[in-house]
Amino acid sequence: MMSANFSGKTLVTAMVGAALLSGCGTLTSINGDKSQTNMMELPKEIEVPTGHERAMVGSVVNGTVTWLCAQNESGDYAWKFAGPSANLVDDSGNQIGSYYGPPATWEALDGSKVTGKQLATAPAGAGNIPFQLVKATSVGPDGMMSDIAYIQRINLVGGAAPATGCTKMSEGRRFVSGYTADYVFWTAE
């Protein structure tokens, strides 16, 4: 990883090519061949409730997660999640939507979108943001996202907050961390 300081307030982390490409997947309708999706052995904490089926998978190949150095309730300084920013792409690399927040929002190019309430997370390895299960709520017009009930975040590389560097002297500093992931979108059967 490479880091640079911009305006004394923002640290930007860039992940090199192999790391970015290792998390690539697809954004595709999977009504047919479900073997297209890399559904690795997932932690039990992020299992989708029975009665739901995979509708599609969206890949993030160059997303970012922003962290803010802030004082917490106990008076210590720590990196606080400030929000994601990513494009969702199909298996050809064409953008079909985006993911941003807060609040966490997945939006298709057709304008349909969902927000999410995090239900569970599980560790995804050092340096990676965690696996995640989200309960989705439609907040946009009818379209590709309007029937989505749950979203899982899997196949993660990067995105984690720095392990050090948040002190009283750096309060207010932002750290932007690159990440890749797949988002699996589920609908009711």
N, C-alpha and C. Protein backbone atom coordinates (compact mmCIF):
# COMPACT_ATOMS: atom_id res chain seq x y z
N MET A 1 0.84 -1.19 0.00
CA MET A 1 0.00 0.00 0.00
C MET A 1 0.88 1.24 0.00
N MET A 2 0.37 2.29 -0.63
CA MET A 2 1.07 3.56 -0.65
C MET A 2 0.18 4.59 0.02
N SER A 3 0.75 5.47 0.82
CA SER A 3 -0.03 6.52 1.46
C SER A 3 0.57 7.87 1.15
N ALA A 4 -0.30 8.87 1.07
CA ALA A 4 0.16 10.23 0.86
C ALA A 4 -0.70 11.15 1.71
N ASN A 5 -0.13 12.26 2.16
CA ASN A 5 -0.87 13.21 2.97
C ASN A 5 -1.30 14.36 2.09
N PHE A 6 -2.61 14.64 2.07
CA PHE A 6 -3.16 15.72 1.28
C PHE A 6 -3.78 16.74 2.22
N SER A 7 -3.42 17.99 2.11
CA SER A 7 -3.97 19.10 2.90
C SER A 7 -3.89 18.86 4.40
N GLY A 8 -3.01 17.98 4.85
CA GLY A 8 -2.85 17.73 6.27
C GLY A 8 -4.05 17.05 6.91
N LYS A 9 -5.12 16.81 6.18
CA LYS A 9 -6.33 16.23 6.77
C LYS A 9 -6.73 14.90 6.15
N THR A 10 -6.22 14.58 4.98
CA THR A 10 -6.69 13.37 4.31
C THR A 10 -5.51 12.47 3.98
N LEU A 11 -5.61 11.23 4.35
CA LEU A 11 -4.64 10.22 3.95
C LEU A 11 -5.32 9.34 2.93
N VAL A 12 -4.66 9.09 1.82
CA VAL A 12 -5.26 8.26 0.79
C VAL A 12 -4.43 6.99 0.66
N THR A 13 -5.08 5.87 0.64
CA THR A 13 -4.41 4.59 0.47
C THR A 13 -4.78 4.01 -0.88
N ALA A 14 -3.79 3.64 -1.64
CA ALA A 14 -4.03 3.02 -2.94
C ALA A 14 -3.56 1.58 -2.88
N MET A 15 -4.38 0.66 -3.28
CA MET A 15 -3.99 -0.75 -3.32
C MET A 15 -3.46 -1.04 -4.72
N VAL A 16 -2.41 -1.82 -4.82
CA VAL A 16 -1.81 -2.12 -6.10
C VAL A 16 -2.59 -3.17 -6.87
N GLY A 17 -2.37 -3.22 -8.19
CA GLY A 17 -3.15 -4.00 -9.14
C GLY A 17 -3.59 -5.38 -8.72
N ALA A 18 -2.68 -6.22 -8.28
CA ALA A 18 -3.07 -7.59 -7.95
C ALA A 18 -4.08 -7.63 -6.83
N ALA A 19 -3.92 -6.79 -5.83
CA ALA A 19 -4.86 -6.78 -4.72
C ALA A 19 -6.23 -6.31 -5.19
N LEU A 20 -6.27 -5.32 -6.07
CA LEU A 20 -7.55 -4.84 -6.58
C LEU A 20 -8.25 -5.91 -7.39
N LEU A 21 -7.50 -6.61 -8.23
CA LEU A 21 -8.12 -7.59 -9.10
C LEU A 21 -8.52 -8.86 -8.36
N SER A 22 -7.89 -9.15 -7.23
CA SER A 22 -8.19 -10.40 -6.54
C SER A 22 -9.60 -10.44 -5.98
N GLY A 23 -10.26 -9.31 -5.77
CA GLY A 23 -11.62 -9.31 -5.25
C GLY A 23 -12.67 -9.18 -6.32
N CYS A 24 -12.27 -9.20 -7.60
CA CYS A 24 -13.25 -9.01 -8.68
C CYS A 24 -14.21 -10.18 -8.75
N GLY A 25 -15.47 -9.90 -9.03
CA GLY A 25 -16.47 -10.92 -9.21
C GLY A 25 -17.36 -10.50 -10.34
N THR A 26 -18.68 -10.65 -10.16
CA THR A 26 -19.59 -10.26 -11.21
C THR A 26 -20.76 -9.52 -10.64
N LEU A 27 -21.41 -8.75 -11.47
CA LEU A 27 -22.73 -8.24 -11.14
C LEU A 27 -23.59 -8.81 -12.24
N THR A 28 -24.34 -9.80 -11.89
CA THR A 28 -25.10 -10.50 -12.91
C THR A 28 -26.36 -11.06 -12.31
N SER A 29 -27.38 -11.16 -13.10
CA SER A 29 -28.58 -11.85 -12.66
C SER A 29 -28.22 -13.32 -12.57
N ILE A 30 -28.55 -13.96 -11.50
CA ILE A 30 -28.21 -15.37 -11.38
C ILE A 30 -29.46 -16.21 -11.21
N ASN A 31 -30.42 -15.97 -12.08
CA ASN A 31 -31.62 -16.80 -12.09
C ASN A 31 -31.30 -18.15 -12.70
N GLY A 32 -30.25 -18.22 -13.51
CA GLY A 32 -29.88 -19.46 -14.17
C GLY A 32 -28.77 -20.16 -13.43
N ASP A 33 -27.56 -20.12 -13.99
CA ASP A 33 -26.42 -20.86 -13.46
C ASP A 33 -25.85 -20.18 -12.23
N LYS A 34 -26.18 -20.72 -11.07
CA LYS A 34 -25.74 -20.12 -9.82
C LYS A 34 -24.27 -20.41 -9.52
N SER A 35 -23.63 -21.27 -10.32
CA SER A 35 -22.22 -21.54 -10.10
C SER A 35 -21.34 -20.37 -10.51
N GLN A 36 -21.91 -19.36 -11.19
CA GLN A 36 -21.15 -18.17 -11.60
C GLN A 36 -20.63 -17.40 -10.39
N THR A 37 -21.31 -17.50 -9.30
CA THR A 37 -20.99 -16.70 -8.13
C THR A 37 -20.07 -17.46 -7.19
N ASN A 38 -19.01 -16.81 -6.75
CA ASN A 38 -18.10 -17.42 -5.79
C ASN A 38 -18.71 -17.32 -4.40
N MET A 39 -19.53 -18.29 -4.04
CA MET A 39 -20.15 -18.32 -2.72
C MET A 39 -19.29 -19.20 -1.83
N MET A 40 -18.14 -18.66 -1.42
CA MET A 40 -17.22 -19.37 -0.56
C MET A 40 -17.92 -19.75 0.75
N GLU A 41 -17.28 -20.55 1.55
CA GLU A 41 -17.83 -20.90 2.87
C GLU A 41 -17.91 -19.61 3.68
N LEU A 42 -19.11 -19.20 3.99
CA LEU A 42 -19.31 -17.93 4.69
C LEU A 42 -19.55 -18.15 6.17
N PRO A 43 -19.18 -17.17 7.00
CA PRO A 43 -19.43 -17.29 8.43
C PRO A 43 -20.93 -17.39 8.73
N LYS A 44 -21.26 -18.20 9.72
CA LYS A 44 -22.66 -18.40 10.11
C LYS A 44 -23.36 -17.09 10.45
N GLU A 45 -22.62 -16.13 11.02
CA GLU A 45 -23.21 -14.85 11.43
C GLU A 45 -23.86 -14.09 10.28
N ILE A 46 -23.39 -14.31 9.06
CA ILE A 46 -23.95 -13.52 7.94
C ILE A 46 -24.84 -14.35 7.02
N GLU A 47 -25.31 -15.50 7.50
CA GLU A 47 -26.23 -16.30 6.69
C GLU A 47 -27.55 -15.56 6.51
N VAL A 48 -28.08 -15.65 5.30
CA VAL A 48 -29.37 -15.04 4.98
C VAL A 48 -30.47 -15.99 5.47
N PRO A 49 -31.54 -15.45 6.08
CA PRO A 49 -32.63 -16.30 6.56
C PRO A 49 -33.22 -17.16 5.44
N THR A 50 -33.70 -18.34 5.80
CA THR A 50 -34.34 -19.21 4.81
C THR A 50 -35.54 -18.48 4.21
N GLY A 51 -35.91 -18.92 3.00
CA GLY A 51 -37.02 -18.27 2.31
C GLY A 51 -36.57 -17.16 1.38
N HIS A 52 -35.25 -17.07 1.13
CA HIS A 52 -34.71 -16.04 0.23
C HIS A 52 -33.80 -16.69 -0.80
N GLU A 53 -33.70 -16.07 -1.97
CA GLU A 53 -32.84 -16.58 -3.03
C GLU A 53 -31.98 -15.45 -3.59
N ARG A 54 -30.80 -15.86 -4.09
CA ARG A 54 -29.90 -14.88 -4.67
C ARG A 54 -30.52 -14.28 -5.92
N ALA A 55 -30.49 -12.97 -6.02
CA ALA A 55 -31.01 -12.28 -7.19
C ALA A 55 -29.89 -11.81 -8.10
N MET A 56 -28.79 -11.33 -7.53
CA MET A 56 -27.66 -10.83 -8.31
C MET A 56 -26.47 -10.62 -7.39
N VAL A 57 -25.32 -10.42 -8.02
CA VAL A 57 -24.07 -10.14 -7.31
C VAL A 57 -23.44 -8.92 -7.95
N GLY A 58 -23.05 -7.94 -7.13
CA GLY A 58 -22.39 -6.74 -7.62
C GLY A 58 -20.96 -6.68 -7.14
N SER A 59 -20.03 -6.38 -8.03
CA SER A 59 -18.62 -6.29 -7.67
C SER A 59 -18.19 -4.85 -7.49
N VAL A 60 -17.37 -4.64 -6.49
CA VAL A 60 -16.68 -3.38 -6.27
C VAL A 60 -15.22 -3.66 -6.58
N VAL A 61 -14.67 -2.99 -7.61
CA VAL A 61 -13.27 -3.22 -7.96
C VAL A 61 -12.36 -2.07 -7.56
N ASN A 62 -12.92 -0.93 -7.22
CA ASN A 62 -12.08 0.20 -6.80
C ASN A 62 -12.83 1.10 -5.83
N GLY A 63 -13.42 0.50 -4.80
CA GLY A 63 -14.16 1.27 -3.81
C GLY A 63 -13.25 1.89 -2.76
N THR A 64 -13.83 2.79 -1.98
CA THR A 64 -13.11 3.38 -0.86
C THR A 64 -13.99 3.38 0.38
N VAL A 65 -13.33 3.31 1.53
CA VAL A 65 -13.99 3.49 2.82
C VAL A 65 -13.25 4.63 3.51
N THR A 66 -14.00 5.61 3.97
CA THR A 66 -13.39 6.75 4.66
C THR A 66 -13.53 6.57 6.16
N TRP A 67 -12.44 6.83 6.87
CA TRP A 67 -12.37 6.75 8.33
C TRP A 67 -12.01 8.13 8.87
N LEU A 68 -12.58 8.51 10.00
CA LEU A 68 -12.34 9.80 10.62
C LEU A 68 -11.73 9.59 12.00
N CYS A 69 -10.63 10.28 12.29
CA CYS A 69 -10.02 10.22 13.61
C CYS A 69 -10.84 11.10 14.56
N ALA A 70 -11.39 10.48 15.60
CA ALA A 70 -12.27 11.21 16.52
C ALA A 70 -12.14 10.65 17.93
N GLN A 71 -12.52 11.47 18.89
CA GLN A 71 -12.53 11.05 20.28
C GLN A 71 -13.81 10.25 20.53
N ASN A 72 -13.67 9.08 21.17
CA ASN A 72 -14.85 8.27 21.45
C ASN A 72 -15.41 8.58 22.84
N GLU A 73 -16.48 7.89 23.22
CA GLU A 73 -17.16 8.17 24.50
C GLU A 73 -16.27 7.97 25.72
N SER A 74 -15.28 7.08 25.61
CA SER A 74 -14.38 6.84 26.75
C SER A 74 -13.23 7.84 26.80
N GLY A 75 -13.18 8.77 25.84
CA GLY A 75 -12.14 9.79 25.84
C GLY A 75 -10.91 9.42 25.03
N ASP A 76 -10.86 8.19 24.52
CA ASP A 76 -9.75 7.75 23.69
C ASP A 76 -9.97 8.22 22.25
N TYR A 77 -8.90 8.22 21.47
CA TYR A 77 -9.00 8.58 20.07
C TYR A 77 -8.95 7.30 19.23
N ALA A 78 -9.84 7.21 18.25
CA ALA A 78 -9.92 6.02 17.41
C ALA A 78 -10.48 6.40 16.04
N TRP A 79 -10.21 5.54 15.06
CA TRP A 79 -10.75 5.73 13.72
C TRP A 79 -12.22 5.33 13.72
N LYS A 80 -13.06 6.23 13.26
CA LYS A 80 -14.51 6.03 13.21
C LYS A 80 -14.94 5.93 11.75
N PHE A 81 -15.79 4.95 11.44
CA PHE A 81 -16.30 4.76 10.09
C PHE A 81 -17.05 6.02 9.65
N ALA A 82 -16.68 6.58 8.49
CA ALA A 82 -17.33 7.80 7.99
C ALA A 82 -18.15 7.56 6.73
N GLY A 83 -17.91 6.44 6.03
CA GLY A 83 -18.73 6.12 4.87
C GLY A 83 -17.99 5.49 3.72
N PRO A 84 -18.75 4.76 2.86
CA PRO A 84 -18.18 4.11 1.68
C PRO A 84 -18.47 4.92 0.41
N SER A 85 -17.74 4.59 -0.64
CA SER A 85 -18.00 5.14 -1.96
C SER A 85 -17.48 4.12 -2.97
N ALA A 86 -18.37 3.58 -3.81
CA ALA A 86 -17.94 2.56 -4.76
C ALA A 86 -18.91 2.46 -5.92
N ASN A 87 -18.40 2.03 -7.04
CA ASN A 87 -19.23 1.70 -8.20
C ASN A 87 -19.45 0.20 -8.20
N LEU A 88 -20.67 -0.22 -8.53
CA LEU A 88 -20.98 -1.63 -8.72
C LEU A 88 -20.89 -1.91 -10.21
N VAL A 89 -20.18 -2.98 -10.58
CA VAL A 89 -19.96 -3.28 -11.99
C VAL A 89 -20.42 -4.69 -12.33
N ASP A 90 -20.68 -4.89 -13.63
CA ASP A 90 -21.04 -6.22 -14.11
C ASP A 90 -19.78 -6.99 -14.48
N ASP A 91 -19.95 -8.20 -14.99
CA ASP A 91 -18.79 -9.04 -15.29
C ASP A 91 -17.93 -8.51 -16.43
N SER A 92 -18.42 -7.51 -17.17
CA SER A 92 -17.63 -6.87 -18.22
C SER A 92 -16.98 -5.58 -17.74
N GLY A 93 -17.20 -5.23 -16.46
CA GLY A 93 -16.64 -4.01 -15.92
C GLY A 93 -17.48 -2.78 -16.16
N ASN A 94 -18.70 -2.95 -16.66
CA ASN A 94 -19.60 -1.83 -16.91
C ASN A 94 -20.35 -1.46 -15.63
N GLN A 95 -20.38 -0.18 -15.32
CA GLN A 95 -21.08 0.26 -14.12
C GLN A 95 -22.58 0.06 -14.28
N ILE A 96 -23.19 -0.54 -13.23
CA ILE A 96 -24.64 -0.71 -13.23
C ILE A 96 -25.26 -0.07 -11.99
N GLY A 97 -24.43 0.43 -11.10
CA GLY A 97 -24.95 1.05 -9.90
C GLY A 97 -23.83 1.59 -9.04
N SER A 98 -24.21 2.02 -7.82
CA SER A 98 -23.22 2.56 -6.89
C SER A 98 -23.61 2.23 -5.46
N TYR A 99 -22.63 2.37 -4.58
CA TYR A 99 -22.80 2.13 -3.15
C TYR A 99 -22.17 3.32 -2.45
N TYR A 100 -22.92 3.97 -1.57
CA TYR A 100 -22.43 5.17 -0.90
C TYR A 100 -23.12 5.33 0.45
N GLY A 101 -22.68 6.30 1.21
CA GLY A 101 -23.31 6.57 2.50
C GLY A 101 -22.52 7.57 3.28
N PRO A 102 -22.96 7.89 4.47
CA PRO A 102 -24.15 7.37 5.13
C PRO A 102 -25.42 8.08 4.67
N PRO A 103 -26.57 7.42 4.86
CA PRO A 103 -26.71 6.02 5.27
C PRO A 103 -26.29 5.10 4.14
N ALA A 104 -25.93 3.87 4.48
CA ALA A 104 -25.53 2.89 3.48
C ALA A 104 -26.63 2.77 2.44
N THR A 105 -26.27 3.03 1.16
CA THR A 105 -27.24 3.03 0.07
C THR A 105 -26.65 2.34 -1.14
N TRP A 106 -27.41 1.41 -1.72
CA TRP A 106 -27.05 0.75 -2.97
C TRP A 106 -28.05 1.25 -4.00
N GLU A 107 -27.56 1.86 -5.09
CA GLU A 107 -28.43 2.46 -6.09
C GLU A 107 -28.09 1.94 -7.48
N ALA A 108 -29.11 1.45 -8.20
CA ALA A 108 -28.94 0.98 -9.57
C ALA A 108 -29.03 2.16 -10.52
N LEU A 109 -28.53 2.00 -11.74
CA LEU A 109 -28.58 3.07 -12.72
C LEU A 109 -30.02 3.42 -13.12
N ASP A 110 -30.96 2.49 -12.87
CA ASP A 110 -32.37 2.79 -13.18
C ASP A 110 -33.04 3.66 -12.11
N GLY A 111 -32.28 4.05 -11.08
CA GLY A 111 -32.80 4.92 -10.01
C GLY A 111 -33.34 4.18 -8.82
N SER A 112 -33.57 2.88 -8.95
CA SER A 112 -34.05 2.11 -7.79
C SER A 112 -32.91 2.01 -6.78
N LYS A 113 -33.26 2.02 -5.50
CA LYS A 113 -32.22 1.96 -4.48
C LYS A 113 -32.76 1.39 -3.18
N VAL A 114 -31.83 0.90 -2.38
CA VAL A 114 -32.16 0.41 -1.04
C VAL A 114 -31.17 0.99 -0.05
N THR A 115 -31.65 1.17 1.17
CA THR A 115 -30.76 1.47 2.28
C THR A 115 -30.69 0.21 3.13
N GLY A 116 -29.72 0.17 4.03
CA GLY A 116 -29.55 -1.05 4.79
C GLY A 116 -29.33 -0.81 6.26
N LYS A 117 -29.82 -1.78 7.04
CA LYS A 117 -29.56 -1.81 8.48
C LYS A 117 -28.67 -3.03 8.73
N GLN A 118 -27.48 -2.79 9.26
CA GLN A 118 -26.55 -3.88 9.52
C GLN A 118 -27.13 -4.81 10.58
N LEU A 119 -27.17 -6.11 10.25
CA LEU A 119 -27.65 -7.11 11.20
C LEU A 119 -26.51 -7.87 11.86
N ALA A 120 -25.42 -8.11 11.08
CA ALA A 120 -24.31 -8.90 11.62
C ALA A 120 -23.04 -8.65 10.82
N THR A 121 -21.91 -8.87 11.47
CA THR A 121 -20.61 -8.84 10.81
C THR A 121 -19.80 -10.03 11.32
N ALA A 122 -18.73 -10.35 10.59
CA ALA A 122 -17.78 -11.38 11.00
C ALA A 122 -16.42 -10.99 10.44
N PRO A 123 -15.35 -11.31 11.16
CA PRO A 123 -14.01 -10.94 10.68
C PRO A 123 -13.71 -11.55 9.31
N ALA A 124 -13.03 -10.75 8.46
CA ALA A 124 -12.67 -11.20 7.11
C ALA A 124 -11.16 -11.17 6.90
N GLY A 125 -10.40 -11.16 7.97
CA GLY A 125 -8.95 -11.18 7.87
C GLY A 125 -8.32 -9.82 8.10
N ALA A 126 -7.06 -9.84 8.49
CA ALA A 126 -6.33 -8.61 8.80
C ALA A 126 -6.32 -7.68 7.60
N GLY A 127 -6.59 -6.40 7.86
CA GLY A 127 -6.56 -5.38 6.83
C GLY A 127 -7.84 -5.26 6.01
N ASN A 128 -8.81 -6.13 6.27
CA ASN A 128 -10.06 -6.13 5.51
C ASN A 128 -11.23 -5.66 6.37
N ILE A 129 -12.17 -4.94 5.75
CA ILE A 129 -13.42 -4.66 6.44
C ILE A 129 -14.12 -6.00 6.61
N PRO A 130 -15.05 -6.11 7.57
CA PRO A 130 -15.64 -7.42 7.87
C PRO A 130 -16.68 -7.87 6.85
N PHE A 131 -16.93 -9.20 6.85
CA PHE A 131 -18.11 -9.73 6.19
C PHE A 131 -19.30 -9.02 6.80
N GLN A 132 -20.41 -8.94 6.06
CA GLN A 132 -21.55 -8.18 6.58
C GLN A 132 -22.86 -8.76 6.05
N LEU A 133 -23.89 -8.71 6.90
CA LEU A 133 -25.26 -9.01 6.50
C LEU A 133 -26.10 -7.79 6.81
N VAL A 134 -26.88 -7.34 5.80
CA VAL A 134 -27.68 -6.13 5.91
C VAL A 134 -29.13 -6.45 5.56
N LYS A 135 -30.06 -5.91 6.31
CA LYS A 135 -31.48 -5.95 5.97
C LYS A 135 -31.76 -4.73 5.11
N ALA A 136 -32.27 -4.95 3.89
CA ALA A 136 -32.47 -3.86 2.93
C ALA A 136 -33.90 -3.34 2.97
N THR A 137 -34.05 -2.04 2.72
CA THR A 137 -35.35 -1.39 2.61
C THR A 137 -35.34 -0.54 1.35
N SER A 138 -36.32 -0.77 0.48
CA SER A 138 -36.41 0.01 -0.76
C SER A 138 -36.78 1.45 -0.44
N VAL A 139 -36.04 2.39 -1.03
CA VAL A 139 -36.31 3.82 -0.82
C VAL A 139 -36.39 4.58 -2.14
N GLY A 140 -36.42 3.86 -3.23
CA GLY A 140 -36.45 4.51 -4.53
C GLY A 140 -37.59 3.98 -5.37
N PRO A 141 -37.62 4.35 -6.64
CA PRO A 141 -38.66 3.86 -7.53
C PRO A 141 -38.48 2.37 -7.83
N ASP A 142 -39.49 1.75 -8.44
CA ASP A 142 -39.40 0.35 -8.84
C ASP A 142 -38.25 0.18 -9.82
N GLY A 143 -37.60 -0.97 -9.72
CA GLY A 143 -36.49 -1.27 -10.61
C GLY A 143 -35.67 -2.42 -10.08
N MET A 144 -34.43 -2.47 -10.49
CA MET A 144 -33.54 -3.58 -10.17
C MET A 144 -33.38 -3.83 -8.67
N MET A 145 -33.42 -2.79 -7.85
CA MET A 145 -33.19 -2.94 -6.41
C MET A 145 -34.48 -3.03 -5.59
N SER A 146 -35.62 -2.78 -6.18
CA SER A 146 -36.83 -2.59 -5.38
C SER A 146 -37.29 -3.81 -4.60
N ASP A 147 -36.94 -5.04 -5.02
CA ASP A 147 -37.37 -6.24 -4.29
C ASP A 147 -36.27 -6.84 -3.43
N ILE A 148 -35.14 -6.17 -3.31
CA ILE A 148 -34.02 -6.71 -2.52
C ILE A 148 -34.38 -6.69 -1.04
N ALA A 149 -34.19 -7.85 -0.38
CA ALA A 149 -34.51 -7.98 1.05
C ALA A 149 -33.26 -8.01 1.93
N TYR A 150 -32.19 -8.66 1.46
CA TYR A 150 -30.95 -8.77 2.23
C TYR A 150 -29.77 -8.55 1.30
N ILE A 151 -28.65 -8.11 1.89
CA ILE A 151 -27.40 -7.94 1.15
C ILE A 151 -26.27 -8.52 2.00
N GLN A 152 -25.42 -9.32 1.37
CA GLN A 152 -24.21 -9.83 2.03
C GLN A 152 -23.00 -9.18 1.37
N ARG A 153 -21.99 -8.84 2.19
CA ARG A 153 -20.70 -8.37 1.66
C ARG A 153 -19.70 -9.50 1.86
N ILE A 154 -19.10 -9.97 0.75
CA ILE A 154 -18.17 -11.10 0.78
C ILE A 154 -16.95 -10.81 -0.11
N ASN A 155 -16.00 -11.75 -0.15
CA ASN A 155 -14.82 -11.67 -1.01
C ASN A 155 -14.09 -10.34 -0.85
N LEU A 156 -13.73 -10.05 0.38
CA LEU A 156 -13.18 -8.74 0.74
C LEU A 156 -11.67 -8.66 0.65
N VAL A 157 -11.20 -7.53 0.15
CA VAL A 157 -9.78 -7.19 0.18
C VAL A 157 -9.68 -5.71 0.54
N GLY A 158 -9.05 -5.41 1.69
CA GLY A 158 -8.79 -4.02 2.08
C GLY A 158 -9.96 -3.33 2.76
N GLY A 159 -9.82 -2.00 2.87
CA GLY A 159 -10.88 -1.17 3.42
C GLY A 159 -10.80 -0.88 4.90
N ALA A 160 -9.95 -1.58 5.63
CA ALA A 160 -9.90 -1.42 7.08
C ALA A 160 -9.27 -0.08 7.49
N ALA A 161 -9.62 0.33 8.69
CA ALA A 161 -9.01 1.53 9.28
C ALA A 161 -7.56 1.24 9.62
N PRO A 162 -6.73 2.27 9.67
CA PRO A 162 -5.34 2.04 10.08
C PRO A 162 -5.28 1.54 11.52
N ALA A 163 -4.28 0.75 11.83
CA ALA A 163 -4.12 0.21 13.18
C ALA A 163 -3.62 1.27 14.15
N THR A 164 -2.96 2.30 13.65
CA THR A 164 -2.40 3.35 14.50
C THR A 164 -2.63 4.70 13.84
N GLY A 165 -2.17 5.76 14.50
CA GLY A 165 -2.17 7.07 13.88
C GLY A 165 -3.29 8.00 14.26
N CYS A 166 -4.22 7.55 15.10
CA CYS A 166 -5.30 8.43 15.53
C CYS A 166 -5.01 8.89 16.96
N THR A 167 -4.65 10.15 17.09
CA THR A 167 -4.32 10.74 18.39
C THR A 167 -4.99 12.10 18.50
N LYS A 168 -4.84 12.74 19.65
CA LYS A 168 -5.40 14.09 19.81
C LYS A 168 -4.83 15.03 18.75
N MET A 169 -3.56 14.85 18.41
CA MET A 169 -2.91 15.71 17.41
C MET A 169 -3.49 15.51 16.01
N SER A 170 -4.06 14.32 15.75
CA SER A 170 -4.59 14.05 14.41
C SER A 170 -6.12 14.03 14.37
N GLU A 171 -6.75 14.50 15.44
CA GLU A 171 -8.22 14.54 15.46
C GLU A 171 -8.74 15.31 14.24
N GLY A 172 -9.74 14.74 13.57
CA GLY A 172 -10.31 15.35 12.38
C GLY A 172 -9.69 14.88 11.08
N ARG A 173 -8.56 14.18 11.16
CA ARG A 173 -7.91 13.67 9.96
C ARG A 173 -8.76 12.55 9.36
N ARG A 174 -8.81 12.50 8.05
CA ARG A 174 -9.53 11.44 7.35
C ARG A 174 -8.52 10.49 6.71
N PHE A 175 -8.88 9.23 6.70
CA PHE A 175 -8.07 8.19 6.06
C PHE A 175 -8.99 7.49 5.07
N VAL A 176 -8.60 7.44 3.80
CA VAL A 176 -9.40 6.80 2.77
C VAL A 176 -8.68 5.52 2.36
N SER A 177 -9.36 4.39 2.55
CA SER A 177 -8.78 3.08 2.32
C SER A 177 -9.46 2.39 1.14
N GLY A 178 -8.67 1.93 0.16
CA GLY A 178 -9.22 1.23 -0.99
C GLY A 178 -9.68 -0.17 -0.62
N TYR A 179 -10.73 -0.64 -1.31
CA TYR A 179 -11.19 -2.01 -1.07
C TYR A 179 -11.87 -2.58 -2.31
N THR A 180 -11.95 -3.91 -2.33
CA THR A 180 -12.74 -4.64 -3.30
C THR A 180 -13.65 -5.58 -2.54
N ALA A 181 -14.80 -5.91 -3.13
CA ALA A 181 -15.75 -6.81 -2.48
C ALA A 181 -16.81 -7.23 -3.48
N ASP A 182 -17.56 -8.24 -3.11
CA ASP A 182 -18.77 -8.60 -3.83
C ASP A 182 -19.94 -8.40 -2.89
N TYR A 183 -21.03 -7.84 -3.41
CA TYR A 183 -22.28 -7.68 -2.68
C TYR A 183 -23.29 -8.63 -3.29
N VAL A 184 -23.80 -9.56 -2.47
CA VAL A 184 -24.79 -10.53 -2.93
C VAL A 184 -26.15 -10.01 -2.51
N PHE A 185 -27.04 -9.82 -3.48
CA PHE A 185 -28.37 -9.26 -3.25
C PHE A 185 -29.38 -10.41 -3.25
N TRP A 186 -30.25 -10.43 -2.22
CA TRP A 186 -31.22 -11.51 -2.03
C TRP A 186 -32.65 -10.97 -2.06
N THR A 187 -33.56 -11.75 -2.64
CA THR A 187 -34.99 -11.43 -2.64
C THR A 187 -35.75 -12.58 -1.97
N ALA A 188 -37.00 -12.32 -1.59
CA ALA A 188 -37.85 -13.38 -1.05
C ALA A 188 -38.16 -14.37 -2.17
N GLU A 189 -38.25 -15.66 -1.81
CA GLU A 189 -38.58 -16.69 -2.82
C GLU A 189 -40.00 -16.57 -3.29
